[in-house]
């Protein structure tokens, strides 16, 4: 019997390929010609698939520059999925502890290709909550505090390659390559990353990588209004992050004995 794909599978695969591609270029977006060329699709086919995805709110088109981005439908799916990821489940108590002690907003981000993907967010009791980064949202590594913490564990040639692939997004927030490399060196020296008025004026954050492997693939960051995040307090929060992340490392190293519970 001939092994045939179910009817409509090709269109589904192409549509999913478009979503994957846009997810990797969400910050700057892509033009129709970029999408059709990268995926090897006829422009008319790509246009038809994009029209369908737009109608279901999985993709949106910027009317000013005609670039396509992931839409709210994609974000809602990502938000629902990230809430049940094993890493999110495991680190939620630590994040809640950090939010309770600091009073500020705490983020968990993980590397996704060139990007830092926000997996979870916890708010402290300080009345101003930081909402510039939403669970399911992403931006290039090195722009936010969490992504900078992750990027600090990468070799310089890899950092340069990521920068060159996403140069427009970095330049949009005032980061040239020299500034980025200097910031990563400061992160390595201090043990935590610092961003002041980078993504949004008046918002500052610090971040620290989570040692879950040979190179950091995730990080926890704390964000608040800049008037609350002076140099001394950033150092205090850095010490808090180090203490809490050390708990994660100890838990990872703890041998599990059959027949016992913790």
Foldseek 3Di string as FASTA:
>chain_A
DDDDDPPPVVLVVLLVVLLVVLQVVQLPAAALVVSCVVVVHDSVSSVVSVVVCVVVQQKDADPPVRGIHGGPVQQVVQQVVLCPDPVNVVCVVLLQVLCAVVQFKKWKWFDDPQKTATRDMDGGNDPDYDDPHDHSDIDGQQQAFWSLQQCLQDDPVVVVVSCVVRVVRCVVQPDDSVNSVVQSVVCVVLQKGKDACRPHHQKIKIKHFQPPDPGGGMIMMTMDGVVVDDPVVVSVSSVSRVVSSVVVVCVVPDDDDPPDDD
